[in-house]
């Protein structure tokens, strides 16, 4: 099987596992917005983001090293997994000792015990599922995605929908679904055969931690970039506006979904092809097709932003969710740039230059904080959106030139500029809703399809070639 077809097959497998789970996730958002007002929704998101912020710190981002070295045939999988468990156990014990400090954060103070459980159980699930992926058990990994979200959906129906436990119900649902998922994967994959403290390799442990440690601040900086908008909006506007902004970000998450599915498969192919001839051409072909797919997905969502937003956000409890679509189009473009940044970060992973990932993320986070402070007081939620776009765009430009020093693949700057210009025009029309909205959006989308047709067809030919 050629490398393009291998990438496509893995992407399809991950897509099958993720598509159903993501669809259920959007129904969950409808459940949340129907049972939580915008202020409560903000608290739910604050807990979620805090957990996502702390997980890389508690685990030392060791799961990234599990993927990088677990897929590499030059390293013993038992040692990789045992090293990772040793690191994670140390991190969790330290976290439990320091967890009372979470009481200093007022947005999560009332839910600290649940937050601690959320973080520890999520860390376990990440390690269990990512090692399955590193062992090449992609079908199990994909099936678990459906199983975990189905459990999440059922627990949320019980705790949030039926029992009306609100944020507490949400936290319990996540914890129980992650516990079921991580345990089931561990048992089916037989991970116990790969774990023993006898397999801990100190030399490899040093290599893995040198790789993963720069990814801790990188992950934190991306979370700061993604969530600082809501914190600024909450304190400079109000909590309700922050909740609406969070609801507006749900449609762009569809783009992120496409990217995540692809990135899981791409990481495996990039590591496998790291030492092969024609690596740069492979990267160029895949990157151009990836960009084209994301642009078309973004254009489609912008053209239909209002009905998508109505489908995802329930206005029965809080009518302010009905305005979320006004903030969504430019967030879609910002998330598109974030996805391109993610692709470029894979070069740092493959080449083991993870420190560069940190430096470029630091630039994005600093710019996001600066422009949030400057723009939100004057422009409100729109200022936050502008800050997000600027930070992601600058990071993209820096990474595009920096990452290609390690793998010098070709890109078309002109095509990217044309794509961005057309998406900007679609955003402006979607927000202003003129009488000619439908014909304009249809025409703009056809132009996007024409601009990106060739790169998609070239890749399709590669897939069909034996």
Protein backbone atom coordinates (compact mmCIF):
# COMPACT_ATOMS: atom_id res chain seq x y z
CA UNK A 1 0.00 0.00 0.00
CA UNK A 2 1.50 3.38 -0.98
CA UNK A 3 2.05 6.07 1.67
CA UNK A 4 -0.84 8.23 0.40
CA UNK A 5 -3.26 5.33 0.57
CA UNK A 6 -2.01 4.35 4.04
CA UNK A 7 -2.66 7.91 5.21
CA UNK A 8 -6.11 7.88 3.61
CA UNK A 9 -7.07 4.51 5.14
CA UNK A 10 -5.97 5.61 8.62
CA UNK A 11 -7.84 8.90 8.20
CA UNK A 12 -11.03 7.03 7.22
CA UNK A 13 -10.70 4.73 10.24
CA UNK A 14 -10.25 7.68 12.59
CA UNK A 15 -13.11 9.49 10.85
CA UNK A 16 -15.48 6.56 11.38
CA UNK A 17 -14.53 6.53 15.05
CA UNK A 18 -14.76 10.29 15.44
CA UNK A 19 -17.70 11.26 13.26
CA UNK A 20 -20.37 9.59 15.35
CA UNK A 21 -18.78 10.83 18.56
CA UNK A 22 -18.59 14.42 17.31
CA UNK A 23 -22.21 14.38 16.16
CA UNK A 24 -23.20 13.23 19.64
CA UNK A 25 -21.04 16.00 21.08
CA UNK A 26 -23.07 18.62 19.25
CA UNK A 27 -26.30 17.14 20.57
CA UNK A 28 -24.69 17.42 24.00
CA UNK A 29 -24.09 21.11 23.45
CA UNK A 30 -27.81 21.47 22.69
CA UNK A 31 -28.49 19.65 25.97
CA UNK A 32 -26.12 21.92 27.91
CA UNK A 33 -27.46 25.18 26.50
CA UNK A 34 -31.00 23.94 27.15
CA UNK A 35 -30.28 23.17 30.82
CA UNK A 36 -27.68 25.81 31.76
CA UNK A 37 -27.98 29.58 31.43
CA UNK A 38 -25.03 31.43 29.87
CA UNK A 39 -23.38 32.15 33.26
CA UNK A 40 -23.56 28.47 34.29
CA UNK A 41 -22.32 27.50 30.83
CA UNK A 42 -19.29 29.73 31.44
CA UNK A 43 -18.56 27.88 34.70
CA UNK A 44 -18.81 24.55 32.87
CA UNK A 45 -16.33 25.79 30.26
CA UNK A 46 -14.03 27.24 32.93
CA UNK A 47 -13.81 23.82 34.59
CA UNK A 48 -13.22 22.12 31.25
CA UNK A 49 -10.49 24.53 30.23
CA UNK A 50 -8.86 24.39 33.67
CA UNK A 51 -8.72 20.60 33.38
CA UNK A 52 -7.26 20.81 29.87
CA UNK A 53 -4.77 23.38 31.18
CA UNK A 54 -3.60 21.18 34.06
CA UNK A 55 -3.53 17.77 32.34
CA UNK A 56 -0.30 18.52 30.38
CA UNK A 57 1.32 19.78 33.60
CA UNK A 58 0.24 16.79 35.69
CA UNK A 59 1.27 14.28 33.00
CA UNK A 60 4.33 16.21 31.77
CA UNK A 61 2.79 15.85 28.27
CA UNK A 62 4.22 12.34 28.28
CA UNK A 63 1.47 10.98 25.99
CA UNK A 64 3.02 12.98 23.14
CA UNK A 65 6.27 11.10 23.74
CA UNK A 66 4.31 7.82 23.80
CA UNK A 67 3.11 8.52 20.25
CA UNK A 68 6.49 9.73 18.97
CA UNK A 69 8.61 6.92 20.42
CA UNK A 70 5.93 4.23 20.53
CA UNK A 71 5.51 4.45 16.74
CA UNK A 72 9.28 4.52 16.19
CA UNK A 73 10.57 1.00 15.52
CA UNK A 74 13.93 1.89 17.08
CA UNK A 75 12.45 1.88 20.60
CA UNK A 76 11.03 -0.90 22.75
CA UNK A 77 7.30 -0.37 23.33
CA UNK A 78 7.36 -1.91 26.80
CA UNK A 79 9.96 0.61 27.92
CA UNK A 80 8.08 3.52 26.31
CA UNK A 81 4.83 2.59 28.07
CA UNK A 82 6.40 1.76 31.44
CA UNK A 83 8.36 5.01 31.40
CA UNK A 84 5.17 6.94 30.64
CA UNK A 85 3.26 5.30 33.50
CA UNK A 86 6.10 6.07 35.93
CA UNK A 87 6.10 9.73 34.89
CA UNK A 88 2.31 10.00 35.10
CA UNK A 89 2.13 8.40 38.55
CA UNK A 90 4.72 10.85 39.86
CA UNK A 91 2.81 13.78 38.36
CA UNK A 92 -0.56 12.67 39.78
CA UNK A 93 0.87 12.22 43.30
CA UNK A 94 2.41 15.70 43.19
CA UNK A 95 -0.86 17.13 41.87
CA UNK A 96 -2.90 15.56 44.68
CA UNK A 97 -0.60 17.21 47.23
CA UNK A 98 -0.92 20.62 45.57
CA UNK A 99 -4.61 20.42 44.62
CA UNK A 100 -5.82 22.63 47.54
CA UNK A 101 -4.30 25.55 45.63
CA UNK A 102 -7.21 25.23 43.18
CA UNK A 103 -9.42 26.79 45.86
CA UNK A 104 -7.75 30.11 45.02
CA UNK A 105 -9.49 30.16 41.62
CA UNK A 106 -13.06 31.40 42.26
CA UNK A 107 -14.55 30.04 39.02
CA UNK A 108 -13.81 26.42 40.01
CA UNK A 109 -13.79 26.67 43.82
CA UNK A 110 -17.14 24.94 44.29
CA UNK A 111 -16.12 21.92 42.20
CA UNK A 112 -12.49 21.26 43.19
CA UNK A 113 -12.90 17.58 44.26
CA UNK A 114 -14.67 16.78 40.98
CA UNK A 115 -12.04 18.72 39.03
CA UNK A 116 -9.24 16.69 40.63
CA UNK A 117 -11.02 13.44 39.74
CA UNK A 118 -11.68 14.71 36.20
CA UNK A 119 -7.97 15.43 35.64
CA UNK A 120 -6.66 12.15 37.06
CA UNK A 121 -9.15 9.97 35.17
CA UNK A 122 -8.68 11.88 31.91
CA UNK A 123 -4.91 11.46 32.24
CA UNK A 124 -5.39 7.70 32.61
CA UNK A 125 -7.66 7.51 29.56
CA UNK A 126 -5.25 9.55 27.43
CA UNK A 127 -2.35 7.24 28.22
CA UNK A 128 -4.39 4.07 27.65
CA UNK A 129 -5.85 5.16 24.31
CA UNK A 130 -2.70 6.82 22.96
CA UNK A 131 -0.61 3.73 23.64
CA UNK A 132 -3.19 1.67 21.75
CA UNK A 133 -2.69 4.06 18.84
CA UNK A 134 1.11 3.82 19.18
CA UNK A 135 0.79 0.03 18.93
CA UNK A 136 -1.07 0.45 15.65
CA UNK A 137 -4.47 -0.54 17.07
CA UNK A 138 -6.20 2.19 15.12
CA UNK A 139 -9.54 0.36 14.84
CA UNK A 140 -9.72 -0.10 18.60
CA UNK A 141 -8.74 3.54 19.08
CA UNK A 142 -11.47 4.65 16.67
CA UNK A 143 -14.12 2.37 18.19
CA UNK A 144 -13.28 3.71 21.62
CA UNK A 145 -14.00 7.24 20.38
CA UNK A 146 -17.59 6.21 19.65
CA UNK A 147 -17.93 4.21 22.87
CA UNK A 148 -16.60 6.99 25.09
CA UNK A 149 -18.88 9.65 23.61
CA UNK A 150 -21.89 7.34 23.74
CA UNK A 151 -21.22 6.82 27.46
CA UNK A 152 -20.76 10.58 27.86
CA UNK A 153 -24.07 11.20 26.10
CA UNK A 154 -25.97 8.68 28.24
CA UNK A 155 -24.47 9.92 31.51
CA UNK A 156 -25.27 13.52 30.54
CA UNK A 157 -28.87 12.61 29.70
CA UNK A 158 -29.13 11.12 33.20
CA UNK A 159 -27.22 13.69 35.26
CA UNK A 160 -27.82 16.95 33.33
CA UNK A 161 -31.09 16.28 31.49
CA UNK A 162 -33.04 14.07 33.91
CA UNK A 163 -31.61 14.81 37.37
CA UNK A 164 -30.86 18.48 36.55
CA UNK A 165 -27.49 18.43 38.34
CA UNK A 166 -26.06 21.11 36.03
CA UNK A 167 -22.29 21.57 36.15
CA UNK A 168 -21.87 18.79 38.74
CA UNK A 169 -23.72 16.41 36.44
CA UNK A 170 -21.48 17.37 33.53
CA UNK A 171 -18.32 16.68 35.55
CA UNK A 172 -19.59 13.29 36.74
CA UNK A 173 -20.56 12.33 33.20
CA UNK A 174 -17.06 13.10 31.88
CA UNK A 175 -15.34 11.24 34.69
CA UNK A 176 -17.44 8.09 34.36
CA UNK A 177 -17.23 7.98 30.54
CA UNK A 178 -13.43 8.45 30.62
CA UNK A 179 -13.07 5.75 33.27
CA UNK A 180 -15.15 3.27 31.23
CA UNK A 181 -13.21 4.13 28.07
CA UNK A 182 -9.70 3.94 29.51
CA UNK A 183 -10.41 0.70 31.36
CA UNK A 184 -12.02 -1.01 28.36
CA UNK A 185 -9.12 -0.11 26.03
CA UNK A 186 -6.60 -1.28 28.63
CA UNK A 187 -8.31 -4.66 28.94
CA UNK A 188 -8.98 -5.26 25.23
CA UNK A 189 -5.48 -4.15 24.16
CA UNK A 190 -3.81 -6.13 26.95
CA UNK A 191 -1.69 -3.19 28.09
CA UNK A 192 -0.75 -5.06 31.27
CA UNK A 193 1.72 -7.12 29.23
CA UNK A 194 3.63 -3.94 28.41
CA UNK A 195 3.87 -2.51 31.90
CA UNK A 196 6.33 -3.32 34.65
CA UNK A 197 8.73 -1.12 36.57
CA UNK A 198 11.39 -3.60 35.39
CA UNK A 199 10.89 -2.22 31.88
CA UNK A 200 11.70 1.36 32.91
CA UNK A 201 14.68 2.51 30.87
CA UNK A 202 16.41 5.51 32.46
CA UNK A 203 18.23 6.52 29.29
CA UNK A 204 15.02 6.40 27.23
CA UNK A 205 13.19 8.16 30.06
CA UNK A 206 15.57 11.10 29.71
CA UNK A 207 15.03 11.14 25.96
CA UNK A 208 11.24 11.07 26.33
CA UNK A 209 11.13 13.80 28.97
CA UNK A 210 13.46 16.05 26.95
CA UNK A 211 10.99 15.64 24.10
CA UNK A 212 7.82 16.15 26.15
CA UNK A 213 8.80 18.92 28.58
CA UNK A 214 8.79 21.74 25.99
CA UNK A 215 5.30 20.58 25.00
CA UNK A 216 3.94 21.44 28.46
CA UNK A 217 4.23 25.22 28.04
CA UNK A 218 3.24 24.80 24.39
CA UNK A 219 -0.05 23.16 25.38
CA UNK A 220 -0.62 25.75 28.11
CA UNK A 221 0.01 28.63 25.76
CA UNK A 222 -2.49 27.32 23.21
CA UNK A 223 -5.07 26.97 25.96
CA UNK A 224 -4.31 30.52 27.14
CA UNK A 225 -4.73 31.69 23.57
CA UNK A 226 -8.01 29.81 23.19
CA UNK A 227 -9.60 30.67 26.54
CA UNK A 228 -8.14 34.05 27.53
CA UNK A 229 -10.74 35.67 25.26
CA UNK A 230 -13.54 34.41 27.49
CA UNK A 231 -11.78 35.47 30.68
CA UNK A 232 -11.22 38.98 29.29
CA UNK A 233 -14.83 39.15 28.06
CA UNK A 234 -16.13 38.00 31.42
CA UNK A 235 -14.26 40.70 33.33
CA UNK A 236 -14.49 43.49 30.74
CA UNK A 237 -18.07 42.75 29.58
CA UNK A 238 -19.88 40.09 31.67
CA UNK A 239 -20.18 36.33 32.22
CA UNK A 240 -23.23 36.07 29.94
CA UNK A 241 -21.27 37.50 26.99
CA UNK A 242 -18.45 35.03 27.72
CA UNK A 243 -20.99 32.21 27.64
CA UNK A 244 -22.35 33.36 24.28
CA UNK A 245 -18.80 33.59 22.92
CA UNK A 246 -18.23 30.00 24.05
CA UNK A 247 -21.42 28.93 22.28
CA UNK A 248 -20.30 30.77 19.12
CA UNK A 249 -17.10 28.71 19.12
CA UNK A 250 -18.99 25.42 18.78
CA UNK A 251 -19.58 25.67 15.01
CA UNK A 252 -15.86 26.34 14.32
CA UNK A 253 -15.16 23.19 16.29
CA UNK A 254 -16.45 21.28 13.27
CA UNK A 255 -13.33 22.48 11.43
CA UNK A 256 -11.23 21.42 14.38
CA UNK A 257 -12.93 18.01 14.24
CA UNK A 258 -11.83 17.51 10.62
CA UNK A 259 -8.32 18.60 11.53
CA UNK A 260 -8.06 16.33 14.57
CA UNK A 261 -9.19 13.29 12.59
CA UNK A 262 -6.61 13.95 9.91
CA UNK A 263 -3.84 14.91 12.35
CA UNK A 264 -4.09 11.59 14.18
CA UNK A 265 -3.49 9.70 10.94
CA UNK A 266 -0.95 12.23 9.64
CA UNK A 267 1.25 11.98 12.73
CA UNK A 268 1.58 8.24 12.18
CA UNK A 269 2.50 8.69 8.49
CA UNK A 270 4.90 11.58 9.18
CA UNK A 271 6.86 9.53 11.72
CA UNK A 272 6.88 6.46 9.43
CA UNK A 273 8.16 8.53 6.47
CA UNK A 274 10.68 10.53 8.50
CA UNK A 275 13.76 8.96 6.91
CA UNK A 276 12.33 8.21 3.48
CA UNK A 277 13.31 9.72 0.14
CA UNK A 278 10.82 12.17 -1.30
CA UNK A 279 9.74 13.26 2.17
CA UNK A 280 9.51 16.94 1.20
CA UNK A 281 7.32 16.19 -1.82
CA UNK A 282 5.05 14.03 0.36
CA UNK A 283 4.65 16.87 2.86
CA UNK A 284 3.93 19.39 0.10
CA UNK A 285 1.27 17.21 -1.51
CA UNK A 286 -0.46 16.42 1.77
CA UNK A 287 -0.27 19.98 3.10
CA UNK A 288 -1.81 21.49 -0.02
CA UNK A 289 -4.67 18.97 -0.05
CA UNK A 290 -5.19 19.45 3.69
CA UNK A 291 -5.39 23.21 3.33
CA UNK A 292 -7.86 22.85 0.45
CA UNK A 293 -10.15 20.55 2.42
CA UNK A 294 -10.13 22.88 5.43
CA UNK A 295 -10.85 25.93 3.27
CA UNK A 296 -13.83 24.22 1.60
CA UNK A 297 -15.14 23.05 4.99
CA UNK A 298 -14.76 26.60 6.35
CA UNK A 299 -16.54 28.12 3.35
CA UNK A 300 -19.40 25.64 3.69
CA UNK A 301 -19.89 26.41 7.39
CA UNK A 302 -19.72 30.18 6.87
CA UNK A 303 -22.32 29.98 4.10
CA UNK A 304 -24.70 28.08 6.43
CA UNK A 305 -23.61 29.58 9.74
CA UNK A 306 -27.04 30.65 10.99
CA UNK A 307 -28.83 27.30 10.59
CA UNK A 308 -25.80 25.44 11.99
CA UNK A 309 -25.73 27.74 15.01
CA UNK A 310 -29.47 27.27 15.59
CA UNK A 311 -29.04 23.50 15.41
CA UNK A 312 -26.25 23.45 17.99
CA UNK A 313 -27.40 26.13 20.45
CA UNK A 314 -30.70 25.78 22.33
CA UNK A 315 -32.35 29.17 23.01
CA UNK A 316 -35.23 27.85 25.18
CA UNK A 317 -33.53 28.76 28.47
CA UNK A 318 -31.44 31.76 27.39
CA UNK A 319 -32.34 33.75 24.25
CA UNK A 320 -28.85 35.28 24.08
CA UNK A 321 -27.56 32.04 22.51
CA UNK A 322 -29.53 33.08 19.41
CA UNK A 323 -26.97 35.84 18.69
CA UNK A 324 -23.99 33.46 18.76
CA UNK A 325 -23.97 33.10 14.95
CA UNK A 326 -22.95 36.76 14.57
CA UNK A 327 -19.56 36.00 16.13
CA UNK A 328 -19.00 32.63 14.47
CA UNK A 329 -17.79 33.35 10.88
CA UNK A 330 -14.44 34.95 11.78
CA UNK A 331 -13.91 32.35 14.50
CA UNK A 332 -14.20 29.73 11.75
CA UNK A 333 -11.35 31.41 9.85
CA UNK A 334 -9.29 31.67 13.05
CA UNK A 335 -9.76 27.96 13.75
CA UNK A 336 -8.71 27.21 10.16
CA UNK A 337 -5.39 28.95 10.90
CA UNK A 338 -5.08 27.02 14.16
CA UNK A 339 -5.45 23.76 12.20
CA UNK A 340 -2.71 24.80 9.77
CA UNK A 341 -0.52 25.60 12.78
CA UNK A 342 -1.21 22.10 14.06
CA UNK A 343 0.01 20.58 10.80
CA UNK A 344 3.22 22.61 10.97
CA UNK A 345 3.74 21.53 14.59
CA UNK A 346 3.96 17.93 13.33
CA UNK A 347 7.26 18.88 11.71
CA UNK A 348 8.62 19.87 15.11
CA UNK A 349 7.39 16.55 16.51
CA UNK A 350 8.94 14.43 13.77
CA UNK A 351 12.24 16.33 13.77
CA UNK A 352 12.28 16.42 17.62
CA UNK A 353 12.50 20.24 17.70
CA UNK A 354 9.68 20.63 20.20
CA UNK A 355 11.30 23.75 21.69
CA UNK A 356 10.42 25.59 18.46
CA UNK A 357 6.82 24.66 19.02
CA UNK A 358 7.03 26.37 22.41
CA UNK A 359 8.63 29.58 21.08
CA UNK A 360 6.07 30.03 18.32
CA UNK A 361 3.19 29.27 20.70
CA UNK A 362 4.60 31.87 23.11
CA UNK A 363 4.37 34.51 20.40
CA UNK A 364 0.73 33.59 19.72
CA UNK A 365 -0.22 33.68 23.41
CA UNK A 366 1.50 37.02 24.03
CA UNK A 367 -0.19 38.63 21.03
CA UNK A 368 -3.56 37.21 22.05
CA UNK A 369 -3.29 38.67 25.55
CA UNK A 370 -2.08 42.03 24.24
CA UNK A 371 -4.82 42.45 21.65
CA UNK A 372 -7.50 41.19 24.02
CA UNK A 373 -6.52 43.94 26.45
CA UNK A 374 -6.48 46.56 23.69
CA UNK A 375 -9.55 45.58 21.65
CA UNK A 376 -12.15 44.10 24.01
CA UNK A 377 -12.77 47.35 26.00
CA UNK A 378 -13.64 49.12 22.74
CA UNK A 379 -15.14 46.38 20.54
CA UNK A 380 -16.39 43.77 23.03
CA UNK A 381 -16.73 40.22 21.69
CA UNK A 382 -15.65 41.30 18.20
CA UNK A 383 -12.38 42.55 19.70
CA UNK A 384 -11.74 39.12 21.20
CA UNK A 385 -12.35 37.48 17.82
CA UNK A 386 -9.91 39.88 16.16
CA UNK A 387 -7.28 39.13 18.83
CA UNK A 388 -7.68 35.39 18.26
CA UNK A 389 -7.33 35.73 14.49
CA UNK A 390 -4.25 37.97 14.71
CA UNK A 391 -2.44 35.65 17.13
CA UNK A 392 -3.12 32.54 15.05
CA UNK A 393 -2.19 34.28 11.80
CA UNK A 394 1.16 35.55 13.11
CA UNK A 395 1.96 32.11 14.53
CA UNK A 396 1.11 30.55 11.16
CA UNK A 397 3.45 32.89 9.27
CA UNK A 398 6.32 32.26 11.70
CA UNK A 399 5.87 28.48 11.67
CA UNK A 400 5.50 28.36 7.89
CA UNK A 401 9.00 29.74 7.47
CA UNK A 402 10.60 28.20 10.57
CA UNK A 403 9.30 24.62 10.25
CA UNK A 404 10.28 24.42 6.59
CA UNK A 405 13.92 24.81 7.61
CA UNK A 406 13.72 21.21 8.84
CA UNK A 407 11.56 19.80 6.04
CA UNK A 408 11.64 22.24 3.09
CA UNK A 409 8.34 21.44 1.37
CA UNK A 410 6.71 23.73 -1.21
CA UNK A 411 3.56 25.79 -0.53
CA UNK A 412 1.52 28.24 -2.65
CA UNK A 413 1.31 31.60 -0.87
CA UNK A 414 -0.86 33.05 -3.64
CA UNK A 415 -3.48 30.33 -3.32
CA UNK A 416 -3.57 30.80 0.44
CA UNK A 417 -4.06 34.57 0.04
CA UNK A 418 -6.91 34.06 -2.45
CA UNK A 419 -8.57 31.52 -0.13
CA UNK A 420 -8.31 33.89 2.82
CA UNK A 421 -9.71 36.81 0.82
CA UNK A 422 -12.75 34.81 -0.31
CA UNK A 423 -13.41 33.59 3.24
CA UNK A 424 -13.21 37.17 4.55
CA UNK A 425 -15.80 38.25 2.00
CA UNK A 426 -18.10 35.38 2.98
CA UNK A 427 -17.73 36.34 6.67
CA UNK A 428 -18.74 39.95 6.01
CA UNK A 429 -21.80 38.92 4.01
CA UNK A 430 -22.84 36.25 6.56
CA UNK A 431 -22.85 38.76 9.42
CA UNK A 432 -24.61 41.57 7.55
CA UNK A 433 -27.21 39.26 5.95
CA UNK A 434 -28.04 41.31 2.80
CA UNK A 435 -30.87 40.30 0.47
CA UNK A 436 -28.36 38.77 -1.96
CA UNK A 437 -26.72 36.61 0.76
CA UNK A 438 -27.56 33.19 -0.76
CA UNK A 439 -26.35 33.82 -4.35
CA UNK A 440 -23.16 35.51 -3.10
CA UNK A 441 -22.28 32.70 -0.70
CA UNK A 442 -23.00 30.08 -3.35
CA UNK A 443 -20.82 31.90 -5.89
CA UNK A 444 -17.98 32.42 -3.40
CA UNK A 445 -18.03 28.76 -2.44
CA UNK A 446 -17.83 27.73 -6.11
CA UNK A 447 -14.81 30.02 -6.52
CA UNK A 448 -13.17 28.36 -3.52
CA UNK A 449 -13.83 24.97 -5.09
CA UNK A 450 -12.27 26.11 -8.38
CA UNK A 451 -9.16 27.53 -6.67
CA UNK A 452 -8.58 24.34 -4.70
CA UNK A 453 -9.69 21.76 -7.28
CA UNK A 454 -6.26 20.97 -8.68
CA UNK A 455 -4.54 20.19 -5.37
CA UNK A 456 -7.37 17.84 -4.40
CA UNK A 457 -7.32 16.07 -7.76
CA UNK A 458 -3.53 15.65 -7.68
CA UNK A 459 -3.81 13.99 -4.29
CA UNK A 460 -6.69 11.80 -5.47
CA UNK A 461 -4.48 10.54 -8.30
CA UNK A 462 -1.78 9.66 -5.79
CA UNK A 463 -4.29 7.65 -3.79
CA UNK A 464 -5.36 5.66 -6.84
CA UNK A 465 -1.80 4.90 -7.94
CA UNK A 466 -0.51 1.48 -6.94
